[in-house]
Protein backbone atom coordinates (compact mmCIF):
# COMPACT_ATOMS: atom_id res chain seq x y z
CA MET A 1 -49.42 -4.18 14.46
CA PRO A 2 -48.13 -1.83 11.75
CA PRO A 3 -47.48 1.79 12.68
CA SER A 4 -50.27 4.32 12.54
CA PRO A 5 -50.04 7.25 10.12
CA THR A 6 -48.17 10.35 11.16
CA ASP A 7 -49.72 13.69 11.94
CA ASN A 8 -48.64 16.99 10.38
CA ALA A 9 -45.62 17.18 12.69
CA GLY A 10 -44.43 13.77 11.60
CA ARG A 11 -45.22 12.10 14.94
CA HIS A 12 -47.08 8.78 15.08
CA GLU A 13 -50.42 8.98 16.84
CA THR A 14 -52.76 6.24 17.95
CA PRO A 15 -56.39 7.36 17.80
CA ALA A 16 -58.56 6.91 20.85
CA ALA A 17 -61.83 5.06 20.81
CA SER A 18 -63.64 8.38 20.98
CA ASP A 19 -62.30 9.19 17.50
CA ALA A 20 -64.60 6.58 15.94
CA ILE A 21 -66.94 7.90 13.30
CA ASP A 22 -70.40 8.63 14.70
CA TRP A 23 -72.82 7.63 11.95
CA HIS A 24 -75.99 9.71 11.74
CA PRO A 25 -78.52 9.90 8.93
CA VAL A 26 -77.51 12.69 6.58
CA SER A 27 -80.02 14.26 4.25
CA ALA A 28 -79.16 14.70 0.61
CA ARG A 29 -79.55 18.46 1.09
CA ASP A 30 -77.02 18.54 3.96
CA ALA A 31 -74.65 16.25 2.10
CA ARG A 32 -74.43 18.39 -1.02
CA ASP A 33 -71.60 20.87 -1.26
CA GLU A 34 -73.41 24.02 -2.31
CA SER A 35 -70.14 25.78 -3.12
CA ARG A 36 -69.27 23.18 -5.76
CA PRO A 37 -72.42 22.26 -7.69
CA GLY A 38 -72.44 18.78 -9.15
CA GLU A 39 -69.87 17.45 -6.70
CA VAL A 40 -70.43 15.05 -3.84
CA GLN A 41 -69.00 16.37 -0.62
CA VAL A 42 -66.89 14.21 1.66
CA LEU A 43 -68.66 14.71 4.98
CA PRO A 44 -66.69 15.95 7.98
CA GLN A 45 -67.13 12.65 9.77
CA LEU A 46 -65.71 10.86 6.74
CA ARG A 47 -62.64 13.07 6.93
CA ALA A 48 -61.95 11.54 10.33
CA ARG A 49 -59.61 8.63 10.39
CA THR A 50 -61.35 5.32 9.76
CA ARG A 51 -60.16 2.11 11.21
CA SER A 52 -60.99 -1.59 11.14
CA LEU A 53 -61.46 -3.31 14.48
CA ALA A 54 -59.86 -6.73 14.82
CA ASP A 55 -61.19 -9.36 17.17
CA ALA A 56 -59.33 -9.66 20.46
CA THR A 57 -56.69 -12.38 20.55
CA PRO A 58 -57.79 -15.68 22.17
CA GLY A 59 -57.64 -15.52 25.92
CA SER A 60 -57.30 -11.76 26.11
CA ALA A 61 -59.76 -9.43 27.77
CA PRO A 62 -62.52 -8.18 25.49
CA GLU A 63 -61.57 -4.54 26.15
CA PRO A 64 -59.72 -2.70 24.92
CA ARG A 65 -59.79 -4.14 21.42
CA PRO A 66 -56.76 -3.46 19.18
CA VAL A 67 -57.34 -0.55 16.86
CA HIS A 68 -55.59 -0.06 13.53
CA SER A 69 -55.53 3.47 12.19
CA VAL A 70 -56.02 4.08 8.47
CA ALA A 71 -55.00 7.24 6.69
CA THR A 72 -57.43 10.05 6.00
CA PRO A 73 -59.37 9.30 2.78
CA PHE A 74 -57.56 10.46 -0.35
CA ASP A 75 -54.60 11.80 1.64
CA GLY A 76 -52.10 9.18 0.55
CA GLU A 77 -51.46 5.46 0.81
CA PRO A 78 -52.05 3.95 4.27
CA PRO A 79 -49.93 1.24 5.84
CA LEU A 80 -51.75 -2.07 5.51
CA PRO A 81 -52.67 -4.29 8.46
CA SER A 82 -51.28 -7.79 8.64
CA ALA A 83 -52.78 -10.33 6.25
CA ASP A 84 -53.85 -12.61 9.08
CA GLN A 85 -55.95 -9.92 10.74
CA PRO A 86 -59.45 -11.45 11.16
CA GLN A 87 -62.29 -9.91 9.21
CA PRO A 88 -65.96 -10.01 10.29
CA VAL A 89 -68.12 -12.35 8.22
CA HIS A 90 -71.83 -11.83 7.59
CA PRO A 91 -73.70 -14.91 8.87
CA LEU A 92 -75.43 -15.33 5.52
CA GLU A 93 -72.33 -14.73 3.38
CA PRO A 94 -70.10 -17.44 1.92
CA ALA A 95 -66.72 -17.84 3.60
CA ASP A 96 -64.88 -16.96 0.37
CA LYS A 97 -63.24 -13.70 1.45
CA ALA A 98 -60.85 -11.16 -0.03
CA LEU A 99 -57.14 -11.79 0.34
CA GLY A 100 -56.52 -8.70 2.46
CA PRO A 101 -58.09 -5.50 3.82
CA ILE A 102 -59.99 -3.18 1.51
CA ASP A 103 -58.10 -0.26 0.00
CA ALA A 104 -58.58 2.81 2.23
CA ASP A 105 -59.60 5.15 -0.60
CA LEU A 106 -62.12 2.65 -1.97
CA LEU A 107 -63.45 2.18 1.56
CA ALA A 108 -63.91 5.94 1.95
CA ALA A 109 -65.68 6.18 -1.41
CA LEU A 110 -68.09 3.38 -0.52
CA GLU A 111 -68.80 5.01 2.83
CA CYS A 112 -69.58 8.25 0.99
CA VAL A 113 -72.21 6.40 -1.05
CA VAL A 114 -73.83 5.09 2.14
CA ALA A 115 -73.66 8.35 4.09
CA GLN A 116 -74.93 10.53 1.27
CA HIS A 117 -77.75 8.21 0.17
CA GLY A 118 -76.20 7.52 -3.21
CA SER A 119 -77.12 4.58 -5.39
CA ASP A 120 -73.93 3.78 -7.30
CA LEU A 121 -70.17 4.22 -7.24
CA HIS A 122 -68.14 4.17 -10.47
CA VAL A 123 -64.41 3.46 -10.40
CA THR A 124 -62.45 3.90 -13.62
CA VAL A 125 -58.95 4.90 -14.68
CA GLY A 126 -58.39 8.58 -15.48
CA SER A 127 -61.23 9.82 -13.26
CA PRO A 128 -61.86 10.22 -9.54
CA PRO A 129 -64.49 7.89 -8.05
CA MET A 130 -67.95 9.10 -9.09
CA ILE A 131 -71.17 8.74 -7.08
CA ARG A 132 -74.64 8.58 -8.59
CA ARG A 133 -77.27 10.28 -6.47
CA ASP A 134 -80.87 11.01 -7.45
CA GLY A 135 -80.03 9.81 -10.94
CA GLY A 136 -77.07 12.16 -11.54
CA LEU A 137 -73.30 11.56 -11.33
CA GLY A 138 -71.00 13.71 -9.22
CA SER A 139 -67.35 13.53 -8.22
CA ILE A 140 -66.16 13.09 -4.66
CA ASP A 141 -64.71 16.25 -3.18
CA ASN A 142 -60.89 16.19 -2.99
CA ALA A 143 -60.68 12.76 -4.60
CA PRO A 144 -57.71 12.52 -6.99
CA ILE A 145 -57.77 10.97 -10.43
CA TRP A 146 -57.02 7.28 -10.17
CA SER A 147 -54.22 5.73 -12.20
CA ALA A 148 -54.37 2.23 -13.67
CA GLU A 149 -52.14 0.97 -10.86
CA LYS A 150 -54.31 2.59 -8.18
CA ALA A 151 -57.58 1.29 -9.67
CA SER A 152 -56.19 -2.23 -10.03
CA ARG A 153 -54.89 -2.28 -6.45
CA ALA A 154 -58.16 -0.92 -5.02
CA ILE A 155 -60.43 -3.27 -6.98
CA ARG A 156 -58.33 -6.36 -6.29
CA SER A 157 -58.37 -5.57 -2.57
CA ILE A 158 -61.99 -6.78 -2.40
CA LEU A 159 -61.51 -9.93 -4.50
CA SER A 160 -60.85 -13.40 -3.17
CA ALA A 161 -58.24 -15.61 -4.83
CA PRO A 162 -60.84 -17.52 -6.91
CA GLN A 163 -62.48 -14.25 -7.95
CA GLN A 164 -59.14 -12.81 -9.05
CA ASN A 165 -58.53 -15.91 -11.16
CA ILE A 166 -61.95 -15.57 -12.80
CA PHE A 167 -61.41 -11.87 -13.51
CA ASP A 168 -57.94 -12.51 -14.97
CA ARG A 169 -59.46 -15.15 -17.25
CA ASP A 170 -62.78 -13.56 -18.27
CA HIS A 171 -62.16 -9.83 -17.63
CA GLU A 172 -65.73 -9.74 -16.22
CA LEU A 173 -67.02 -10.55 -12.75
CA ASP A 174 -70.32 -10.07 -10.90
CA PHE A 175 -70.56 -10.57 -7.16
CA ALA A 176 -71.93 -9.08 -3.94
CA TYR A 177 -69.74 -7.35 -1.39
CA THR A 178 -70.60 -6.49 2.21
CA LEU A 179 -68.91 -3.50 3.81
CA HIS A 180 -68.64 -3.92 7.57
CA GLY A 181 -68.06 -1.06 9.97
CA ALA A 182 -67.87 -0.52 13.69
CA GLY A 183 -70.95 1.02 15.25
CA ARG A 184 -73.22 0.77 12.20
CA LYS A 185 -75.04 -1.76 10.07
CA ALA A 186 -73.21 -3.57 7.32
CA SER A 187 -73.77 -2.17 3.82
CA ARG A 188 -74.18 -4.53 0.89
CA PHE A 189 -73.20 -3.75 -2.70
CA ARG A 190 -73.77 -5.50 -6.00
CA VAL A 191 -70.46 -5.25 -7.84
CA ASN A 192 -69.48 -5.58 -11.47
CA VAL A 193 -65.74 -5.63 -12.14
CA HIS A 194 -64.74 -5.25 -15.76
CA GLN A 195 -61.91 -4.28 -18.05
CA GLN A 196 -62.01 -1.26 -20.35
CA ARG A 197 -59.25 -0.17 -22.71
CA GLY A 198 -56.96 -2.67 -21.03
CA THR A 199 -57.48 -1.25 -17.53
CA PRO A 200 -59.77 -2.36 -14.67
CA GLY A 201 -63.00 -0.64 -13.69
CA ALA A 202 -65.86 -1.35 -11.31
CA ALA A 203 -69.47 -0.36 -10.71
CA PHE A 204 -70.95 -0.68 -7.22
CA ARG A 205 -74.73 -0.64 -6.66
CA LEU A 206 -75.81 -0.04 -3.06
CA ILE A 207 -78.41 -2.53 -1.88
CA PRO A 208 -80.66 -1.15 0.88
CA SER A 209 -79.85 -2.71 4.23
CA GLU A 210 -83.51 -3.30 5.00
CA ILE A 211 -86.23 -4.64 2.75
CA GLN A 212 -88.97 -2.02 2.44
CA ASP A 213 -92.61 -2.96 2.12
CA LEU A 214 -94.54 -2.32 -1.06
CA LYS A 215 -96.48 0.62 0.37
CA SER A 216 -93.34 2.51 1.36
CA LEU A 217 -92.00 1.95 -2.17
CA GLY A 218 -95.09 3.66 -3.61
CA MET A 219 -96.53 0.50 -5.16
CA PRO A 220 -100.30 0.33 -5.77
CA GLU A 221 -102.33 -2.04 -3.63
CA SER A 222 -102.87 -4.35 -6.59
CA VAL A 223 -99.17 -5.28 -6.53
CA ALA A 224 -99.51 -6.86 -3.08
CA GLU A 225 -102.20 -9.16 -4.45
CA PHE A 226 -99.58 -10.86 -6.63
CA ALA A 227 -97.94 -12.20 -3.45
CA GLN A 228 -101.17 -14.02 -2.57
CA LEU A 229 -101.38 -16.00 -5.81
CA PRO A 230 -101.03 -19.78 -5.51
CA ARG A 231 -99.40 -20.19 -8.93
CA GLY A 232 -98.52 -18.40 -12.15
CA LEU A 233 -95.92 -16.04 -13.60
CA VAL A 234 -95.47 -12.46 -12.36
CA LEU A 235 -92.97 -10.25 -14.20
CA VAL A 236 -91.29 -7.06 -12.97
CA ALA A 237 -90.02 -4.98 -15.89
CA GLY A 238 -88.22 -1.70 -16.39
CA PRO A 239 -84.91 -0.21 -17.48
CA THR A 240 -81.68 -0.69 -15.57
CA GLY A 241 -81.75 1.12 -12.24
CA SER A 242 -85.53 1.40 -12.04
CA GLY A 243 -85.84 -0.57 -8.78
CA LYS A 244 -86.88 -3.97 -10.12
CA SER A 245 -84.79 -5.88 -7.58
CA THR A 246 -86.18 -3.77 -4.74
CA THR A 247 -89.76 -4.47 -5.79
CA LEU A 248 -89.04 -8.19 -6.15
CA ALA A 249 -87.46 -8.25 -2.69
CA ALA A 250 -90.56 -6.59 -1.22
CA LEU A 251 -92.81 -9.16 -2.91
CA VAL A 252 -90.72 -12.07 -1.67
CA ASP A 253 -90.62 -10.59 1.83
CA LEU A 254 -94.41 -10.31 1.80
CA VAL A 255 -94.69 -13.99 0.85
CA ASN A 256 -92.09 -14.83 3.48
CA SER A 257 -94.06 -12.99 6.16
CA THR A 258 -97.54 -14.28 5.33
CA ARG A 259 -97.19 -17.78 3.87
CA ALA A 260 -95.66 -21.05 5.09
CA ASP A 261 -93.91 -21.86 1.81
CA HIS A 262 -90.52 -22.86 0.47
CA ILE A 263 -89.08 -19.94 -1.51
CA VAL A 264 -86.16 -20.62 -3.86
CA THR A 265 -84.31 -17.69 -5.44
CA VAL A 266 -81.75 -17.87 -8.25
CA GLU A 267 -79.81 -14.60 -8.54
CA ASP A 268 -76.64 -13.21 -10.10
CA PRO A 269 -75.49 -12.14 -7.60
CA ILE A 270 -77.61 -12.48 -4.45
CA GLU A 271 -78.64 -8.94 -3.54
CA PHE A 272 -81.14 -8.78 -0.69
CA LEU A 273 -80.61 -11.33 2.09
CA HIS A 274 -83.86 -12.90 3.27
CA ALA A 275 -84.08 -14.34 6.77
CA HIS A 276 -86.40 -17.28 7.36
CA LYS A 277 -89.73 -16.01 8.65
CA LYS A 278 -92.96 -17.89 8.09
CA SER A 279 -91.40 -19.41 4.98
CA VAL A 280 -88.08 -21.14 4.39
CA VAL A 281 -85.91 -19.19 1.92
CA THR A 282 -83.22 -20.88 -0.18
CA GLN A 283 -81.03 -18.38 -2.04
CA ARG A 284 -78.71 -19.61 -4.78
CA GLU A 285 -76.11 -17.46 -6.51
CA VAL A 286 -75.01 -18.04 -10.09
CA GLY A 287 -71.29 -18.75 -10.11
CA ALA A 288 -71.04 -19.56 -6.41
CA ASP A 289 -73.91 -22.03 -5.90
CA THR A 290 -74.84 -22.97 -9.46
CA ALA A 291 -73.31 -22.73 -12.91
CA SER A 292 -76.12 -20.74 -14.56
CA PHE A 293 -79.77 -19.73 -14.33
CA ALA A 294 -80.72 -22.54 -16.68
CA SER A 295 -78.77 -25.11 -14.67
CA ALA A 296 -80.33 -24.02 -11.37
CA LEU A 297 -83.84 -23.97 -12.79
CA LYS A 298 -83.38 -27.39 -14.34
CA HIS A 299 -83.09 -28.85 -10.84
CA VAL A 300 -85.26 -26.42 -8.87
CA LEU A 301 -88.46 -28.43 -9.35
CA ARG A 302 -86.84 -31.29 -7.41
CA GLN A 303 -86.28 -29.01 -4.41
CA ASP A 304 -89.98 -28.88 -3.46
CA PRO A 305 -90.42 -25.13 -4.09
CA ASP A 306 -93.67 -23.23 -3.72
CA VAL A 307 -92.33 -19.86 -4.90
CA ILE A 308 -89.44 -19.36 -7.32
CA LEU A 309 -87.63 -16.07 -7.94
CA ILE A 310 -85.51 -15.77 -11.08
CA GLY A 311 -83.18 -12.79 -11.06
CA GLU A 312 -83.46 -12.25 -14.81
CA LEU A 313 -84.99 -14.02 -17.81
CA ARG A 314 -81.87 -13.88 -19.97
CA ASP A 315 -82.29 -16.58 -22.59
CA LEU A 316 -84.67 -19.03 -24.22
CA GLU A 317 -83.82 -21.91 -21.89
CA THR A 318 -84.41 -19.85 -18.74
CA ILE A 319 -87.74 -18.52 -20.06
CA GLN A 320 -88.81 -22.03 -21.05
CA VAL A 321 -88.16 -23.42 -17.57
CA ALA A 322 -89.93 -20.43 -15.97
CA LEU A 323 -93.05 -21.05 -18.06
CA THR A 324 -92.95 -24.76 -17.23
CA ALA A 325 -92.59 -24.05 -13.51
CA ALA A 326 -95.57 -21.69 -13.61
CA GLU A 327 -97.58 -24.27 -15.55
CA THR A 328 -96.84 -27.01 -13.01
CA GLY A 329 -98.35 -25.09 -10.10
CA HIS A 330 -95.59 -22.82 -8.80
CA LEU A 331 -95.61 -19.06 -8.27
CA VAL A 332 -92.73 -17.61 -10.30
CA PHE A 333 -91.35 -14.06 -10.02
CA ALA A 334 -88.86 -12.80 -12.60
CA THR A 335 -87.52 -9.60 -14.22
CA LEU A 336 -87.09 -8.32 -17.76
CA HIS A 337 -85.52 -5.16 -19.18
CA THR A 338 -88.59 -3.94 -21.04
CA GLN A 339 -90.45 -0.62 -21.00
CA SER A 340 -94.13 -1.61 -21.01
CA ALA A 341 -96.44 -4.52 -20.28
CA ALA A 342 -97.21 -5.16 -23.94
CA GLN A 343 -93.52 -5.04 -24.82
CA THR A 344 -92.82 -7.55 -22.05
CA VAL A 345 -95.20 -10.08 -23.59
CA ASP A 346 -93.71 -9.53 -27.05
CA ARG A 347 -90.15 -9.90 -25.74
CA ILE A 348 -90.86 -13.34 -24.28
CA VAL A 349 -92.58 -14.55 -27.44
CA ASP A 350 -89.89 -13.15 -29.76
CA VAL A 351 -87.13 -15.09 -27.98
CA PHE A 352 -88.54 -18.32 -29.40
CA PRO A 353 -88.26 -19.43 -33.03
CA PRO A 354 -91.32 -18.71 -35.21
CA HIS A 355 -92.62 -22.28 -35.21
CA GLN A 356 -92.85 -22.24 -31.37
CA GLN A 357 -94.34 -18.78 -30.89
CA ASN A 358 -98.00 -19.83 -31.05
CA GLN A 359 -97.35 -22.41 -28.35
CA VAL A 360 -95.56 -19.84 -26.19
CA ARG A 361 -98.46 -17.40 -26.56
CA ALA A 362 -100.80 -20.14 -25.36
CA GLN A 363 -98.51 -20.84 -22.39
CA LEU A 364 -98.31 -17.15 -21.51
CA ALA A 365 -102.07 -16.72 -21.79
CA GLN A 366 -102.48 -19.58 -19.32
CA THR A 367 -99.70 -18.77 -16.84
CA LEU A 368 -99.07 -14.99 -16.88
CA GLN A 369 -100.77 -13.42 -13.87
CA GLY A 370 -99.48 -9.88 -14.20
CA VAL A 371 -96.74 -7.46 -15.18
CA ILE A 372 -95.33 -4.60 -13.11
CA CYS A 373 -93.43 -2.04 -15.20
CA GLN A 374 -91.74 0.75 -13.33
CA ALA A 375 -89.59 3.83 -13.76
CA LEU A 376 -88.01 6.22 -11.28
CA VAL A 377 -88.86 9.90 -11.76
CA LYS A 378 -87.06 12.86 -10.19
CA SER A 379 -88.99 14.22 -7.24
CA ALA A 380 -90.44 17.72 -7.49
CA THR A 381 -88.44 18.64 -4.38
CA GLY A 382 -85.18 17.75 -6.11
CA ILE A 383 -84.35 15.19 -3.43
CA GLY A 384 -84.91 11.54 -4.20
CA ARG A 385 -86.99 9.87 -6.88
CA VAL A 386 -90.57 8.63 -7.10
CA ALA A 387 -91.68 5.29 -8.52
CA ALA A 388 -94.08 5.43 -11.47
CA THR A 389 -95.71 2.13 -12.38
CA GLU A 390 -97.68 0.37 -15.07
CA ILE A 391 -99.77 -2.55 -13.85
CA LEU A 392 -101.19 -5.34 -15.99
CA VAL A 393 -103.48 -7.91 -14.41
CA THR A 394 -104.25 -10.82 -16.71
CA THR A 395 -108.01 -11.01 -17.14
CA PRO A 396 -109.75 -13.48 -19.48
CA ALA A 397 -109.98 -10.73 -22.10
CA ILE A 398 -106.26 -9.92 -21.86
CA ALA A 399 -105.37 -13.62 -21.91
CA ASN A 400 -107.31 -13.89 -25.15
CA LEU A 401 -105.36 -10.94 -26.63
CA ILE A 402 -102.08 -12.64 -25.70
CA ARG A 403 -103.21 -15.93 -27.20
CA GLU A 404 -104.21 -14.26 -30.47
CA GLY A 405 -101.08 -12.09 -30.68
CA LYS A 406 -103.02 -8.82 -30.35
CA THR A 407 -100.69 -7.30 -27.78
CA HIS A 408 -101.11 -3.83 -29.31
CA GLN A 409 -104.62 -3.77 -27.78
CA ILE A 410 -103.39 -4.45 -24.24
CA GLU A 411 -102.77 -0.77 -23.46
CA SER A 412 -106.39 0.22 -24.08
CA MET A 413 -107.53 -2.65 -21.86
CA MET A 414 -105.31 -1.35 -19.06
CA GLN A 415 -106.63 2.19 -19.46
CA THR A 416 -110.17 1.03 -18.76
CA GLY A 417 -109.30 -1.68 -16.24
CA ARG A 418 -108.95 0.34 -13.09
CA GLU A 419 -111.49 -1.72 -11.18
CA ARG A 420 -109.08 -4.65 -11.61
CA GLY A 421 -106.10 -2.64 -10.37
CA MET A 422 -104.65 -1.81 -13.80
CA HIS A 423 -103.27 1.43 -15.19
CA THR A 424 -100.74 2.57 -17.77
CA LEU A 425 -97.47 4.30 -16.99
CA ASP A 426 -98.71 7.57 -18.49
CA GLN A 427 -101.83 7.49 -16.32
CA HIS A 428 -99.71 7.11 -13.20
CA LEU A 429 -97.30 9.83 -14.33
CA ALA A 430 -100.25 12.19 -14.75
CA GLU A 431 -101.40 11.39 -11.22
CA LEU A 432 -97.93 12.12 -9.85
CA VAL A 433 -97.85 15.49 -11.65
CA ASN A 434 -101.35 16.43 -10.54
CA SER A 435 -100.54 15.56 -6.92
CA GLY A 436 -97.37 17.66 -7.01
CA GLN A 437 -94.95 14.78 -6.46
CA VAL A 438 -93.11 15.24 -9.77
CA THR A 439 -92.85 18.04 -12.30
CA ARG A 440 -94.44 17.99 -15.73
CA GLN A 441 -91.01 18.01 -17.38
CA ALA A 442 -89.74 15.07 -15.33
CA ALA A 443 -92.86 13.08 -16.17
CA LEU A 444 -92.58 13.83 -19.88
CA GLU A 445 -89.02 12.46 -19.85
CA LYS A 446 -90.39 9.06 -18.76
CA ALA A 447 -93.62 9.08 -20.77
CA GLN A 448 -94.44 6.38 -23.29
CA ASN A 449 -96.60 8.85 -25.23
CA ALA A 450 -95.61 12.44 -24.46
CA VAL A 451 -98.56 13.95 -26.35
CA GLY A 452 -101.04 11.69 -24.59
CA LEU A 453 -99.50 12.39 -21.20
CA ASP A 454 -99.66 16.12 -21.75
CA LYS A 455 -103.40 15.81 -22.33
CA LEU A 456 -103.80 13.76 -19.16
CA ILE A 457 -102.07 16.35 -17.01
CA ARG A 458 -104.42 18.91 -15.47
CA ARG A 459 -103.94 22.47 -16.80
CA SER A 460 -103.13 23.87 -13.38
CA ASP A 461 -101.04 26.70 -14.81
CA THR A 462 -104.18 28.46 -16.16
CA PRO A 463 -107.05 27.74 -13.75
CA GLY A 464 -110.51 27.96 -15.20
CA GLN A 465 -109.31 27.96 -18.79
CA THR A 466 -111.94 26.39 -21.01
CA GLY A 467 -110.73 23.41 -22.92
CA GLY A 468 -108.29 22.18 -20.28
CA PHE A 469 -108.51 18.59 -19.13
CA SER A 470 -107.88 16.77 -15.91
CA PHE A 471 -107.33 13.11 -15.29
CA ALA A 472 -110.41 11.03 -14.47
CA ALA A 473 -109.67 7.87 -12.51
CA ASP A 474 -112.25 5.66 -14.19
CA PRO A 475 -113.65 6.99 -17.47
CA GLY A 476 -116.06 4.07 -17.70
CA PHE A 477 -117.51 5.09 -14.34
CA VAL A 478 -117.84 8.70 -15.47
CA GLU A 479 -119.55 7.79 -18.73
CA ALA A 480 -121.94 5.42 -17.01
CA GLY A 481 -122.82 8.18 -14.54
CA PHE A 482 -123.76 10.64 -17.27
CA ALA A 483 -125.81 8.02 -19.05
CA ALA A 484 -127.66 7.13 -15.84
CA ALA A 485 -128.45 10.80 -15.21
CA GLY A 486 -129.90 11.17 -18.68
CA LEU A 487 -127.44 13.94 -19.50
CA ALA A 488 -125.78 12.32 -22.49
CA PRO A 489 -125.24 8.91 -23.96
CA ALA A 490 -122.28 6.86 -22.79
CA GLY A 491 -119.14 8.04 -24.52
CA PHE A 492 -120.00 11.75 -24.27
CA VAL A 493 -117.00 12.39 -22.02
CA PRO A 494 -113.68 11.73 -23.80
CA VAL A 495 -112.13 8.54 -22.44
CA GLY A 496 -109.53 9.33 -19.80
CA PHE A 497 -110.46 13.00 -19.43
CA ALA A 498 -112.77 15.21 -17.45
CA PRO A 499 -113.98 18.70 -18.46
CA SER A 500 -111.94 21.73 -17.52
CA GLY A 501 -114.18 23.07 -14.77
CA PHE A 502 -113.21 20.16 -12.56
CA ALA A 503 -109.56 21.06 -13.04
CA GLU A 504 -110.00 23.90 -10.56
CA LYS A 505 -110.73 21.41 -7.78
CA PRO A 506 -107.52 20.09 -6.24
CA PHE A 507 -106.82 16.37 -6.06
CA VAL A 508 -106.63 15.51 -2.37
CA GLU A 509 -105.11 12.07 -2.85
CA PRO A 510 -102.04 11.09 -4.88
CA SER A 511 -103.52 7.66 -5.50
CA PHE A 512 -106.00 6.81 -8.22
CA ARG A 513 -109.37 7.91 -6.88
CA GLN A 514 -112.84 7.43 -8.29
CA THR A 515 -114.18 10.65 -9.79
CA SER A 516 -117.95 10.66 -9.67
CA PHE A 517 -120.02 11.92 -12.56
CA ARG A 518 -121.52 14.52 -10.20
CA GLU A 519 -118.11 16.14 -9.69
CA VAL A 520 -117.40 16.13 -13.39
CA ALA A 521 -120.83 17.43 -14.30
CA ALA A 522 -120.37 20.31 -11.88
CA GLY A 523 -117.94 21.87 -14.32
CA LEU A 524 -119.41 20.64 -17.58
CA PRO A 525 -119.40 23.55 -20.07
CA GLY A 526 -122.28 24.16 -22.42
CA ALA A 527 -122.00 24.56 -26.17
CA ASN A 528 -120.51 28.04 -25.71
CA GLY A 529 -117.98 26.86 -23.14
CA VAL A 530 -120.02 28.15 -20.15
CA ALA A 531 -121.96 25.93 -17.78
CA PRO A 532 -125.70 26.39 -18.41
CA ALA A 533 -127.76 28.32 -15.84
CA ASP A 534 -130.64 25.85 -15.85
CA GLY A 535 -131.54 22.40 -17.04
CA PRO A 536 -130.43 19.00 -15.78
CA THR A 537 -126.73 19.85 -15.93
CA ALA A 538 -127.18 22.99 -13.82
CA ASP A 539 -129.38 21.10 -11.32
CA LEU A 540 -126.75 18.41 -11.03
CA ALA A 541 -124.01 21.00 -10.59
CA ARG A 542 -125.94 22.72 -7.80
CA SER A 543 -126.61 19.41 -6.03
CA ALA A 544 -122.95 18.43 -6.34
CA SER A 545 -121.81 21.70 -4.77
């Protein structure tokens, strides 16, 4: 075994088992170094020496296990363990492993991401490793600037021989990497290794170790209904880093837990690992298990699937096979990098040449079951982010709009389709602001229509101000209520809004709730902006109170 690093006096020391890092959940608030704003602090336990535990040699007693000491993170180059030192292998991982142990500084940086609840790690020449947390980038405390030689050595330490050959040839590589550690769960990363300005770089995305359910992700109840569909196409859309893969994993896990089906996933790379539950799950990785999405999907129908997950609809051929699979009686989940439900429909149609677009619209109208668009918004507390969603459920009316190419009318159908579980992104953003989960400014940054969103947000800063508006969950319900009471014809209340008097009443639920016409009428102003003292409106207000 190679020598352990020396202490300050130059003596070699072998750490005891009690020196092992004790991993405890660390809040983002505790992890932040208040003395250096914008930087990510290396936690005290990460400053302890880390080590990799090798399996005991055959025939030896299980305890004590040999311990190899690795230098303190960012305090110099550690001596490397022998190349034949066994490495733990995840039971669901391929046996294609890296040539040697991971670089100590890269290991420490990845452990910082896990301990401090970060989402990404960026490694590039001329900069220290950078961690993204709550949407913002920060440097690691005491991490030096990495040279081209250092970055190349660190990145190549996690590559297998075939992966190194691919990177040398293509200068691009996508794969998944599992970080194992003693006394804690393995952490899985989606990795992109690339070349920039002739030097290597890498981006690591932390994949949650456990698949969360839809409710804990903040998804509306209507999303869970997509997992109960027998067939059709369900699309999850949003910009990069908006949680599409996490939502898809939750949907697949719900199917896996409730249905006796065969689920086939095609991903690049495999991110979440699904154990067999009530269903059997076959996970195929582009590059390792199949040449491409199109190649895998060409043969997937011969594998007796019930549910198919496609990591991304990248090209015409992949989209074509996805539509065919949905048409032939399979439930297909897939993702797109689009910003709204209507844009998602247009993106699929526009991929095809003009002479095929009418046929594709007809296929979409028949097979599309719904679209989930999502964005992550900074929490009002400053810690973490909140999911904002746009939900489209394909009704006969919406299917007709898709067939006729009138996708610009889809948004208005979603605004009035709450009884079917639909809403627009701006409607949900307004709910999040009104419930105090996000700030007005953070919501406006993600809005599709900033002016429209501003009108949806309740004027809580000036209570009682005449002319303010608050969000009404179902404008059709409100209008029908006024008409039934004989107060005004349907359409009297502006669609999507309630009069300002109701704005003084707090929303008790962050979810979309039904606002009765009695509540709205209780604050209905008269012609002069003041609620009348008598008449049907006043009677209704008194009965509502």
